[in-house]
Amino acid sequence: MEPTDWSELMTRVARTRDAVSFMRMYEHFAPRLHHYLLGLGVPAARAEDLVQDAMLHAWRGARQFDPRRATLSTWLFRIARNLHIDSVRRAATAAHGDELASGDNAAVNLAQVPSPEAYADHVGLTRAIDALPALQARLVRMSFLEARSHGEIASELHMPLGSVKSSLRRAFARLQHGLTDLAA
């Protein structure tokens, strides 16, 4: 399904509370969100809860979705990531009190949560990734959208670790250049 189709389904949910459209989105995105959260190290049962919360948030906040700012997948992944960060904060507060949650240790824990959509506010990110050579595009998706480590990528693709890292550096240089061109 094309990204514009997902945006149209979300528009139907926002306008008419179209449950059929929402279920199509849920069936497509829930497993992907679950996989993403597992990649962040979230236990399976907690990941399921966060996916449910993220999709419920999407249902309730459907009118907040703006296809001009981000794709539906980016919006949903950001919701899931933010819910995960909130749960990490709550756990830190419960386990160590308010002092830890507002101190440097909490910032370090939250800084370890990868941000696969760090540049997602740029409308042209998907096009910029698609414009990369096939291997670089795959590496970017595996590293940031699937939250895989460089070592995992190297093992799965049967590549030397140094090659994965240098290919990712080149890909990000191209992405940065491509996104700068789009913003101009």
N, C-alpha and C. Protein backbone atom coordinates (compact mmCIF):
# COMPACT_ATOMS: atom_id res chain seq x y z
N MET A 1 0.86 -1.18 0.00
CA MET A 1 0.00 0.00 0.00
C MET A 1 0.89 1.23 0.00
N GLU A 2 0.55 2.21 -0.78
CA GLU A 2 1.31 3.44 -0.92
C GLU A 2 1.13 4.33 0.32
N PRO A 3 2.16 5.13 0.67
CA PRO A 3 2.04 6.02 1.82
C PRO A 3 0.84 6.95 1.72
N THR A 4 0.50 7.41 0.51
CA THR A 4 -0.66 8.30 0.38
C THR A 4 -1.94 7.56 0.73
N ASP A 5 -1.97 6.26 0.48
CA ASP A 5 -3.14 5.48 0.87
C ASP A 5 -3.28 5.42 2.38
N TRP A 6 -2.16 5.26 3.09
CA TRP A 6 -2.20 5.25 4.56
C TRP A 6 -2.70 6.59 5.08
N SER A 7 -2.24 7.66 4.47
CA SER A 7 -2.70 8.99 4.89
C SER A 7 -4.19 9.14 4.66
N GLU A 8 -4.68 8.61 3.55
CA GLU A 8 -6.11 8.68 3.25
C GLU A 8 -6.92 7.88 4.28
N LEU A 9 -6.41 6.70 4.64
CA LEU A 9 -7.11 5.91 5.66
C LEU A 9 -7.15 6.66 6.99
N MET A 10 -6.06 7.30 7.34
CA MET A 10 -6.03 8.04 8.59
C MET A 10 -6.96 9.25 8.53
N THR A 11 -7.07 9.85 7.36
CA THR A 11 -8.00 10.97 7.19
C THR A 11 -9.44 10.49 7.41
N ARG A 12 -9.76 9.31 6.90
CA ARG A 12 -11.11 8.74 7.14
C ARG A 12 -11.36 8.51 8.62
N VAL A 13 -10.35 8.01 9.31
CA VAL A 13 -10.50 7.79 10.75
C VAL A 13 -10.74 9.13 11.45
N ALA A 14 -9.98 10.14 11.06
CA ALA A 14 -10.12 11.45 11.70
C ALA A 14 -11.49 12.07 11.43
N ARG A 15 -11.95 11.93 10.20
CA ARG A 15 -13.22 12.59 9.83
C ARG A 15 -14.45 11.83 10.27
N THR A 16 -14.45 10.51 10.08
CA THR A 16 -15.69 9.75 10.29
C THR A 16 -15.55 8.61 11.28
N ARG A 17 -14.38 8.51 11.94
CA ARG A 17 -14.12 7.41 12.89
C ARG A 17 -14.31 6.06 12.18
N ASP A 18 -13.81 5.96 10.97
CA ASP A 18 -13.94 4.76 10.13
C ASP A 18 -13.15 3.60 10.74
N ALA A 19 -13.86 2.66 11.36
CA ALA A 19 -13.23 1.55 12.05
C ALA A 19 -12.57 0.57 11.07
N VAL A 20 -13.12 0.40 9.89
CA VAL A 20 -12.54 -0.51 8.91
C VAL A 20 -11.17 0.02 8.47
N SER A 21 -11.09 1.32 8.21
CA SER A 21 -9.80 1.92 7.84
C SER A 21 -8.80 1.77 8.98
N PHE A 22 -9.26 2.00 10.20
CA PHE A 22 -8.36 1.88 11.34
C PHE A 22 -7.85 0.45 11.48
N MET A 23 -8.72 -0.54 11.30
CA MET A 23 -8.29 -1.93 11.43
C MET A 23 -7.28 -2.31 10.36
N ARG A 24 -7.42 -1.77 9.16
CA ARG A 24 -6.42 -2.02 8.11
C ARG A 24 -5.08 -1.45 8.53
N MET A 25 -5.08 -0.25 9.10
CA MET A 25 -3.84 0.35 9.58
C MET A 25 -3.27 -0.46 10.74
N TYR A 26 -4.13 -0.87 11.64
CA TYR A 26 -3.68 -1.63 12.80
C TYR A 26 -3.02 -2.93 12.37
N GLU A 27 -3.65 -3.65 11.47
CA GLU A 27 -3.10 -4.93 11.00
C GLU A 27 -1.74 -4.74 10.33
N HIS A 28 -1.55 -3.62 9.67
CA HIS A 28 -0.28 -3.37 8.99
C HIS A 28 0.80 -2.88 9.97
N PHE A 29 0.45 -1.93 10.80
CA PHE A 29 1.47 -1.27 11.61
C PHE A 29 1.74 -1.91 12.96
N ALA A 30 0.78 -2.58 13.57
CA ALA A 30 1.00 -3.15 14.91
C ALA A 30 2.18 -4.12 14.94
N PRO A 31 2.31 -5.06 14.00
CA PRO A 31 3.48 -5.94 14.05
C PRO A 31 4.80 -5.19 13.86
N ARG A 32 4.79 -4.16 13.05
CA ARG A 32 6.01 -3.38 12.81
C ARG A 32 6.40 -2.58 14.06
N LEU A 33 5.42 -2.01 14.72
CA LEU A 33 5.69 -1.29 15.96
C LEU A 33 6.22 -2.25 17.03
N HIS A 34 5.63 -3.42 17.09
CA HIS A 34 6.06 -4.44 18.06
C HIS A 34 7.51 -4.83 17.81
N HIS A 35 7.85 -5.07 16.57
CA HIS A 35 9.22 -5.44 16.20
C HIS A 35 10.19 -4.31 16.55
N TYR A 36 9.80 -3.09 16.27
CA TYR A 36 10.63 -1.92 16.59
C TYR A 36 10.88 -1.85 18.10
N LEU A 37 9.84 -2.00 18.90
CA LEU A 37 9.99 -1.92 20.35
C LEU A 37 10.85 -3.06 20.89
N LEU A 38 10.69 -4.24 20.33
CA LEU A 38 11.55 -5.35 20.73
C LEU A 38 13.01 -5.02 20.44
N GLY A 39 13.25 -4.36 19.31
CA GLY A 39 14.60 -3.95 18.95
C GLY A 39 15.18 -2.93 19.91
N LEU A 40 14.33 -2.21 20.61
CA LEU A 40 14.79 -1.26 21.63
C LEU A 40 15.07 -1.96 22.96
N GLY A 41 14.79 -3.26 23.01
CA GLY A 41 15.03 -4.00 24.24
C GLY A 41 13.83 -4.06 25.16
N VAL A 42 12.66 -3.68 24.67
CA VAL A 42 11.45 -3.73 25.49
C VAL A 42 11.00 -5.19 25.57
N PRO A 43 10.69 -5.69 26.77
CA PRO A 43 10.19 -7.06 26.89
C PRO A 43 8.92 -7.24 26.06
N ALA A 44 8.71 -8.46 25.56
CA ALA A 44 7.61 -8.74 24.62
C ALA A 44 6.25 -8.30 25.15
N ALA A 45 5.95 -8.65 26.40
CA ALA A 45 4.63 -8.29 26.96
C ALA A 45 4.47 -6.78 27.05
N ARG A 46 5.53 -6.09 27.46
CA ARG A 46 5.47 -4.63 27.56
C ARG A 46 5.36 -4.02 26.17
N ALA A 47 6.06 -4.59 25.19
CA ALA A 47 5.97 -4.09 23.81
C ALA A 47 4.54 -4.20 23.30
N GLU A 48 3.87 -5.31 23.60
CA GLU A 48 2.47 -5.47 23.19
C GLU A 48 1.60 -4.38 23.81
N ASP A 49 1.82 -4.10 25.09
CA ASP A 49 1.06 -3.04 25.76
C ASP A 49 1.32 -1.68 25.11
N LEU A 50 2.58 -1.40 24.82
CA LEU A 50 2.92 -0.12 24.20
C LEU A 50 2.32 0.01 22.80
N VAL A 51 2.29 -1.09 22.05
CA VAL A 51 1.66 -1.06 20.72
C VAL A 51 0.18 -0.75 20.87
N GLN A 52 -0.49 -1.41 21.80
CA GLN A 52 -1.91 -1.14 22.04
C GLN A 52 -2.13 0.33 22.41
N ASP A 53 -1.28 0.83 23.31
CA ASP A 53 -1.39 2.23 23.73
C ASP A 53 -1.15 3.18 22.55
N ALA A 54 -0.15 2.86 21.72
CA ALA A 54 0.16 3.72 20.57
C ALA A 54 -1.01 3.75 19.58
N MET A 55 -1.58 2.60 19.31
CA MET A 55 -2.69 2.56 18.36
C MET A 55 -3.94 3.23 18.94
N LEU A 56 -4.15 3.07 20.24
CA LEU A 56 -5.27 3.76 20.89
C LEU A 56 -5.06 5.27 20.82
N HIS A 57 -3.83 5.70 21.05
CA HIS A 57 -3.50 7.13 20.94
C HIS A 57 -3.78 7.62 19.51
N ALA A 58 -3.41 6.81 18.52
CA ALA A 58 -3.66 7.19 17.12
C ALA A 58 -5.16 7.30 16.85
N TRP A 59 -5.93 6.37 17.38
CA TRP A 59 -7.39 6.41 17.19
C TRP A 59 -7.98 7.67 17.81
N ARG A 60 -7.59 7.93 19.06
CA ARG A 60 -8.14 9.08 19.78
C ARG A 60 -7.62 10.41 19.21
N GLY A 61 -6.38 10.42 18.76
CA GLY A 61 -5.77 11.66 18.29
C GLY A 61 -5.67 11.73 16.77
N ALA A 62 -6.54 11.03 16.08
CA ALA A 62 -6.47 10.96 14.61
C ALA A 62 -6.46 12.35 13.97
N ARG A 63 -7.17 13.28 14.56
CA ARG A 63 -7.22 14.63 13.98
C ARG A 63 -5.89 15.37 14.09
N GLN A 64 -5.01 14.89 14.95
CA GLN A 64 -3.69 15.53 15.11
C GLN A 64 -2.73 15.13 14.00
N PHE A 65 -3.02 14.06 13.29
CA PHE A 65 -2.13 13.61 12.23
C PHE A 65 -2.16 14.61 11.07
N ASP A 66 -0.96 15.01 10.64
CA ASP A 66 -0.83 15.95 9.53
C ASP A 66 0.10 15.33 8.48
N PRO A 67 -0.44 14.85 7.37
CA PRO A 67 0.39 14.19 6.36
C PRO A 67 1.42 15.12 5.72
N ARG A 68 1.29 16.42 5.91
CA ARG A 68 2.29 17.35 5.38
C ARG A 68 3.54 17.36 6.23
N ARG A 69 3.43 16.96 7.49
CA ARG A 69 4.58 16.97 8.41
C ARG A 69 5.31 15.64 8.47
N ALA A 70 4.59 14.54 8.30
CA ALA A 70 5.23 13.22 8.41
C ALA A 70 4.32 12.18 7.79
N THR A 71 4.92 11.05 7.44
CA THR A 71 4.11 9.93 6.96
C THR A 71 3.40 9.31 8.16
N LEU A 72 2.40 8.51 7.89
CA LEU A 72 1.69 7.85 8.98
C LEU A 72 2.62 6.94 9.75
N SER A 73 3.49 6.22 9.07
CA SER A 73 4.40 5.31 9.77
C SER A 73 5.32 6.10 10.71
N THR A 74 5.84 7.21 10.25
CA THR A 74 6.71 8.04 11.10
C THR A 74 5.94 8.51 12.33
N TRP A 75 4.72 8.95 12.12
CA TRP A 75 3.89 9.45 13.23
C TRP A 75 3.64 8.33 14.24
N LEU A 76 3.30 7.14 13.77
CA LEU A 76 3.02 6.02 14.68
C LEU A 76 4.27 5.57 15.42
N PHE A 77 5.41 5.50 14.71
CA PHE A 77 6.65 5.10 15.37
C PHE A 77 7.05 6.13 16.42
N ARG A 78 6.82 7.39 16.14
CA ARG A 78 7.15 8.43 17.11
C ARG A 78 6.25 8.30 18.35
N ILE A 79 4.97 8.01 18.14
CA ILE A 79 4.07 7.80 19.28
C ILE A 79 4.58 6.64 20.13
N ALA A 80 4.91 5.52 19.49
CA ALA A 80 5.39 4.34 20.23
C ALA A 80 6.69 4.66 20.97
N ARG A 81 7.59 5.35 20.31
CA ARG A 81 8.86 5.71 20.94
C ARG A 81 8.63 6.62 22.15
N ASN A 82 7.77 7.61 22.00
CA ASN A 82 7.48 8.52 23.11
C ASN A 82 6.83 7.79 24.28
N LEU A 83 5.94 6.86 23.98
CA LEU A 83 5.33 6.07 25.06
C LEU A 83 6.38 5.23 25.78
N HIS A 84 7.31 4.69 25.01
CA HIS A 84 8.40 3.92 25.62
C HIS A 84 9.25 4.81 26.53
N ILE A 85 9.61 5.99 26.04
CA ILE A 85 10.40 6.91 26.86
C ILE A 85 9.65 7.28 28.13
N ASP A 86 8.35 7.54 28.00
CA ASP A 86 7.54 7.85 29.19
C ASP A 86 7.57 6.69 30.19
N SER A 87 7.50 5.46 29.67
CA SER A 87 7.51 4.31 30.58
C SER A 87 8.87 4.16 31.26
N VAL A 88 9.96 4.47 30.54
CA VAL A 88 11.29 4.43 31.14
C VAL A 88 11.38 5.48 32.25
N ARG A 89 10.86 6.66 32.00
CA ARG A 89 10.86 7.71 33.02
C ARG A 89 10.06 7.30 34.24
N ARG A 90 8.87 6.73 34.01
CA ARG A 90 8.05 6.30 35.14
C ARG A 90 8.75 5.21 35.95
N ALA A 91 9.39 4.28 35.26
CA ALA A 91 10.11 3.20 35.95
C ALA A 91 11.27 3.76 36.76
N ALA A 92 12.00 4.72 36.20
CA ALA A 92 13.11 5.32 36.91
C ALA A 92 12.62 6.07 38.14
N THR A 93 11.51 6.76 38.01
CA THR A 93 10.94 7.49 39.14
C THR A 93 10.47 6.53 40.22
N ALA A 94 9.80 5.47 39.82
CA ALA A 94 9.29 4.50 40.79
C ALA A 94 10.43 3.77 41.49
N ALA A 95 11.47 3.42 40.75
CA ALA A 95 12.56 2.64 41.32
C ALA A 95 13.52 3.48 42.15
N HIS A 96 13.74 4.70 41.75
CA HIS A 96 14.79 5.50 42.39
C HIS A 96 14.33 6.85 42.90
N GLY A 97 13.09 7.15 42.82
CA GLY A 97 12.57 8.40 43.33
C GLY A 97 12.72 9.55 42.34
N ASP A 98 12.12 10.66 42.69
CA ASP A 98 12.12 11.82 41.80
C ASP A 98 13.51 12.36 41.54
N GLU A 99 14.44 12.20 42.48
CA GLU A 99 15.79 12.73 42.31
C GLU A 99 16.47 12.11 41.08
N LEU A 100 16.37 10.80 40.90
CA LEU A 100 16.99 10.14 39.76
C LEU A 100 16.31 10.55 38.46
N ALA A 101 15.01 10.64 38.47
CA ALA A 101 14.28 10.96 37.24
C ALA A 101 14.62 12.34 36.72
N SER A 102 14.99 13.26 37.62
CA SER A 102 15.33 14.60 37.16
C SER A 102 16.84 14.81 37.06
N GLY A 103 17.63 13.80 37.42
CA GLY A 103 19.08 13.94 37.42
C GLY A 103 19.73 13.45 36.14
N ASP A 104 21.06 13.46 36.15
CA ASP A 104 21.84 13.07 34.98
C ASP A 104 21.65 11.61 34.61
N ASN A 105 21.45 10.71 35.59
CA ASN A 105 21.30 9.29 35.28
C ASN A 105 20.09 9.04 34.40
N ALA A 106 18.99 9.72 34.65
CA ALA A 106 17.80 9.54 33.82
C ALA A 106 18.06 10.00 32.40
N ALA A 107 18.81 11.10 32.27
CA ALA A 107 19.13 11.60 30.92
C ALA A 107 19.98 10.59 30.17
N VAL A 108 20.90 9.95 30.86
CA VAL A 108 21.73 8.95 30.20
C VAL A 108 20.88 7.78 29.74
N ASN A 109 19.97 7.30 30.58
CA ASN A 109 19.11 6.18 30.19
C ASN A 109 18.26 6.54 28.97
N LEU A 110 17.69 7.72 28.95
CA LEU A 110 16.85 8.13 27.83
C LEU A 110 17.67 8.38 26.58
N ALA A 111 18.90 8.81 26.75
CA ALA A 111 19.76 9.06 25.59
C ALA A 111 20.10 7.76 24.89
N GLN A 112 20.00 6.63 25.58
CA GLN A 112 20.31 5.34 24.97
C GLN A 112 19.17 4.83 24.11
N VAL A 113 18.00 5.45 24.17
CA VAL A 113 16.88 5.03 23.33
C VAL A 113 17.11 5.57 21.93
N PRO A 114 17.30 4.69 20.95
CA PRO A 114 17.57 5.16 19.59
C PRO A 114 16.39 5.94 19.02
N SER A 115 16.69 6.84 18.15
CA SER A 115 15.67 7.63 17.50
C SER A 115 15.71 7.37 16.00
N PRO A 116 14.94 6.38 15.53
CA PRO A 116 15.00 6.05 14.12
C PRO A 116 14.44 7.13 13.23
N GLU A 117 13.64 8.01 13.80
CA GLU A 117 13.03 9.05 12.99
C GLU A 117 13.59 10.43 13.33
N ALA A 118 14.90 10.48 13.61
CA ALA A 118 15.51 11.74 14.04
C ALA A 118 15.32 12.84 13.00
N TYR A 119 15.32 12.48 11.73
CA TYR A 119 15.12 13.47 10.68
C TYR A 119 13.72 13.37 10.06
N ALA A 120 12.80 12.71 10.75
CA ALA A 120 11.49 12.42 10.16
C ALA A 120 10.66 13.67 9.91
N ASP A 121 10.99 14.78 10.55
CA ASP A 121 10.23 15.99 10.30
C ASP A 121 10.48 16.54 8.91
N HIS A 122 11.50 16.04 8.24
CA HIS A 122 11.76 16.44 6.86
C HIS A 122 10.86 15.61 5.95
N VAL A 123 10.00 16.26 5.25
CA VAL A 123 9.04 15.58 4.41
C VAL A 123 9.71 14.67 3.38
N GLY A 124 10.88 15.02 2.92
CA GLY A 124 11.54 14.26 1.87
C GLY A 124 12.42 13.12 2.34
N LEU A 125 12.37 12.73 3.61
CA LEU A 125 13.26 11.69 4.09
C LEU A 125 13.09 10.39 3.34
N THR A 126 11.88 9.95 3.16
CA THR A 126 11.65 8.69 2.46
C THR A 126 12.21 8.75 1.05
N ARG A 127 11.97 9.85 0.37
CA ARG A 127 12.51 10.00 -0.99
C ARG A 127 14.03 10.03 -0.97
N ALA A 128 14.60 10.67 0.04
CA ALA A 128 16.06 10.75 0.12
C ALA A 128 16.66 9.36 0.37
N ILE A 129 16.02 8.57 1.22
CA ILE A 129 16.51 7.21 1.47
C ILE A 129 16.36 6.37 0.20
N ASP A 130 15.23 6.51 -0.47
CA ASP A 130 15.00 5.76 -1.71
C ASP A 130 16.00 6.13 -2.80
N ALA A 131 16.52 7.34 -2.75
CA ALA A 131 17.48 7.80 -3.76
C ALA A 131 18.89 7.26 -3.52
N LEU A 132 19.12 6.71 -2.34
CA LEU A 132 20.43 6.13 -2.03
C LEU A 132 20.65 4.86 -2.85
N PRO A 133 21.91 4.47 -3.04
CA PRO A 133 22.16 3.15 -3.62
C PRO A 133 21.46 2.09 -2.76
N ALA A 134 21.04 1.01 -3.37
CA ALA A 134 20.21 0.00 -2.69
C ALA A 134 20.82 -0.49 -1.38
N LEU A 135 22.11 -0.79 -1.36
CA LEU A 135 22.74 -1.29 -0.14
C LEU A 135 22.71 -0.24 0.96
N GLN A 136 23.03 1.01 0.62
CA GLN A 136 23.02 2.06 1.64
C GLN A 136 21.61 2.28 2.18
N ALA A 137 20.61 2.26 1.31
CA ALA A 137 19.22 2.42 1.77
C ALA A 137 18.85 1.29 2.73
N ARG A 138 19.25 0.07 2.40
CA ARG A 138 18.95 -1.07 3.26
C ARG A 138 19.64 -0.92 4.61
N LEU A 139 20.89 -0.50 4.60
CA LEU A 139 21.63 -0.32 5.86
C LEU A 139 20.98 0.74 6.74
N VAL A 140 20.56 1.85 6.14
CA VAL A 140 19.91 2.92 6.91
C VAL A 140 18.61 2.40 7.54
N ARG A 141 17.83 1.70 6.75
CA ARG A 141 16.56 1.16 7.28
C ARG A 141 16.81 0.16 8.41
N MET A 142 17.78 -0.72 8.20
CA MET A 142 18.07 -1.72 9.24
C MET A 142 18.59 -1.07 10.51
N SER A 143 19.45 -0.08 10.36
CA SER A 143 20.07 0.54 11.52
C SER A 143 19.09 1.39 12.31
N PHE A 144 18.30 2.20 11.62
CA PHE A 144 17.47 3.16 12.35
C PHE A 144 15.99 2.82 12.40
N LEU A 145 15.44 2.27 11.37
CA LEU A 145 14.03 1.94 11.43
C LEU A 145 13.79 0.62 12.15
N GLU A 146 14.76 -0.30 12.03
CA GLU A 146 14.62 -1.59 12.71
C GLU A 146 15.45 -1.66 13.99
N ALA A 147 16.18 -0.60 14.30
CA ALA A 147 16.97 -0.48 15.53
C ALA A 147 17.95 -1.63 15.70
N ARG A 148 18.61 -2.03 14.62
CA ARG A 148 19.60 -3.10 14.69
C ARG A 148 20.99 -2.51 14.90
N SER A 149 21.81 -3.24 15.62
CA SER A 149 23.18 -2.79 15.84
C SER A 149 24.01 -3.01 14.58
N HIS A 150 25.13 -2.33 14.50
CA HIS A 150 26.02 -2.51 13.35
C HIS A 150 26.49 -3.95 13.26
N GLY A 151 26.76 -4.56 14.41
CA GLY A 151 27.19 -5.96 14.44
C GLY A 151 26.13 -6.91 13.90
N GLU A 152 24.88 -6.66 14.28
CA GLU A 152 23.78 -7.50 13.78
C GLU A 152 23.64 -7.36 12.27
N ILE A 153 23.76 -6.14 11.79
CA ILE A 153 23.65 -5.90 10.34
C ILE A 153 24.78 -6.61 9.61
N ALA A 154 26.00 -6.47 10.13
CA ALA A 154 27.16 -7.11 9.50
C ALA A 154 26.96 -8.62 9.44
N SER A 155 26.47 -9.19 10.51
CA SER A 155 26.27 -10.63 10.56
C SER A 155 25.19 -11.07 9.58
N GLU A 156 24.06 -10.36 9.57
CA GLU A 156 22.95 -10.75 8.69
C GLU A 156 23.31 -10.60 7.22
N LEU A 157 24.04 -9.54 6.88
CA LEU A 157 24.36 -9.28 5.47
C LEU A 157 25.72 -9.88 5.07
N HIS A 158 26.37 -10.56 6.01
CA HIS A 158 27.67 -11.17 5.72
C HIS A 158 28.66 -10.15 5.20
N MET A 159 28.74 -9.03 5.93
CA MET A 159 29.65 -7.94 5.57
C MET A 159 30.61 -7.70 6.74
N PRO A 160 31.82 -7.24 6.44
CA PRO A 160 32.71 -6.83 7.54
C PRO A 160 32.10 -5.63 8.29
N LEU A 161 32.30 -5.61 9.59
CA LEU A 161 31.75 -4.53 10.42
C LEU A 161 32.21 -3.16 9.93
N GLY A 162 33.48 -3.04 9.57
CA GLY A 162 34.00 -1.76 9.07
C GLY A 162 33.29 -1.31 7.80
N SER A 163 32.93 -2.25 6.94
CA SER A 163 32.21 -1.90 5.71
C SER A 163 30.82 -1.38 6.01
N VAL A 164 30.15 -2.00 7.00
CA VAL A 164 28.82 -1.53 7.41
C VAL A 164 28.93 -0.09 7.92
N LYS A 165 29.90 0.16 8.78
CA LYS A 165 30.04 1.50 9.37
C LYS A 165 30.39 2.54 8.31
N SER A 166 31.32 2.22 7.42
CA SER A 166 31.69 3.21 6.40
C SER A 166 30.56 3.44 5.41
N SER A 167 29.83 2.38 5.07
CA SER A 167 28.68 2.55 4.17
C SER A 167 27.61 3.42 4.81
N LEU A 168 27.38 3.24 6.11
CA LEU A 168 26.40 4.08 6.81
C LEU A 168 26.86 5.54 6.87
N ARG A 169 28.15 5.76 7.10
CA ARG A 169 28.66 7.14 7.10
C ARG A 169 28.43 7.80 5.75
N ARG A 170 28.74 7.06 4.67
CA ARG A 170 28.52 7.63 3.34
C ARG A 170 27.03 7.87 3.09
N ALA A 171 26.19 6.95 3.53
CA ALA A 171 24.74 7.11 3.35
C ALA A 171 24.25 8.36 4.07
N PHE A 172 24.72 8.57 5.30
CA PHE A 172 24.26 9.74 6.05
C PHE A 172 24.78 11.03 5.45
N ALA A 173 25.97 11.00 4.89
CA ALA A 173 26.46 12.19 4.20
C ALA A 173 25.56 12.51 3.01
N ARG A 174 25.18 11.48 2.26
CA ARG A 174 24.27 11.69 1.12
C ARG A 174 22.90 12.16 1.59
N LEU A 175 22.39 11.54 2.66
CA LEU A 175 21.09 11.95 3.18
C LEU A 175 21.12 13.41 3.63
N GLN A 176 22.17 13.77 4.34
CA GLN A 176 22.28 15.15 4.81
C GLN A 176 22.29 16.11 3.61
N HIS A 177 23.05 15.78 2.61
CA HIS A 177 23.10 16.60 1.41
C HIS A 177 21.73 16.64 0.71
N GLY A 178 21.09 15.49 0.58
CA GLY A 178 19.78 15.43 -0.06
C GLY A 178 18.71 16.19 0.69
N LEU A 179 18.73 16.09 2.02
CA LEU A 179 17.73 16.80 2.81
C LEU A 179 17.99 18.30 2.80
N THR A 180 19.25 18.70 2.76
CA THR A 180 19.59 20.12 2.67
C THR A 180 19.07 20.68 1.35
N ASP A 181 19.25 19.93 0.26
CA ASP A 181 18.75 20.36 -1.03
C ASP A 181 17.23 20.51 -1.04
N LEU A 182 16.52 19.57 -0.37
CA LEU A 182 15.07 19.64 -0.32
C LEU A 182 14.59 20.84 0.47
N ALA A 183 15.33 21.20 1.52
CA ALA A 183 14.91 22.31 2.38
C ALA A 183 15.15 23.66 1.69
N ALA A 184 16.06 23.69 0.74
CA ALA A 184 16.41 24.96 0.08
C ALA A 184 15.34 25.39 -0.91
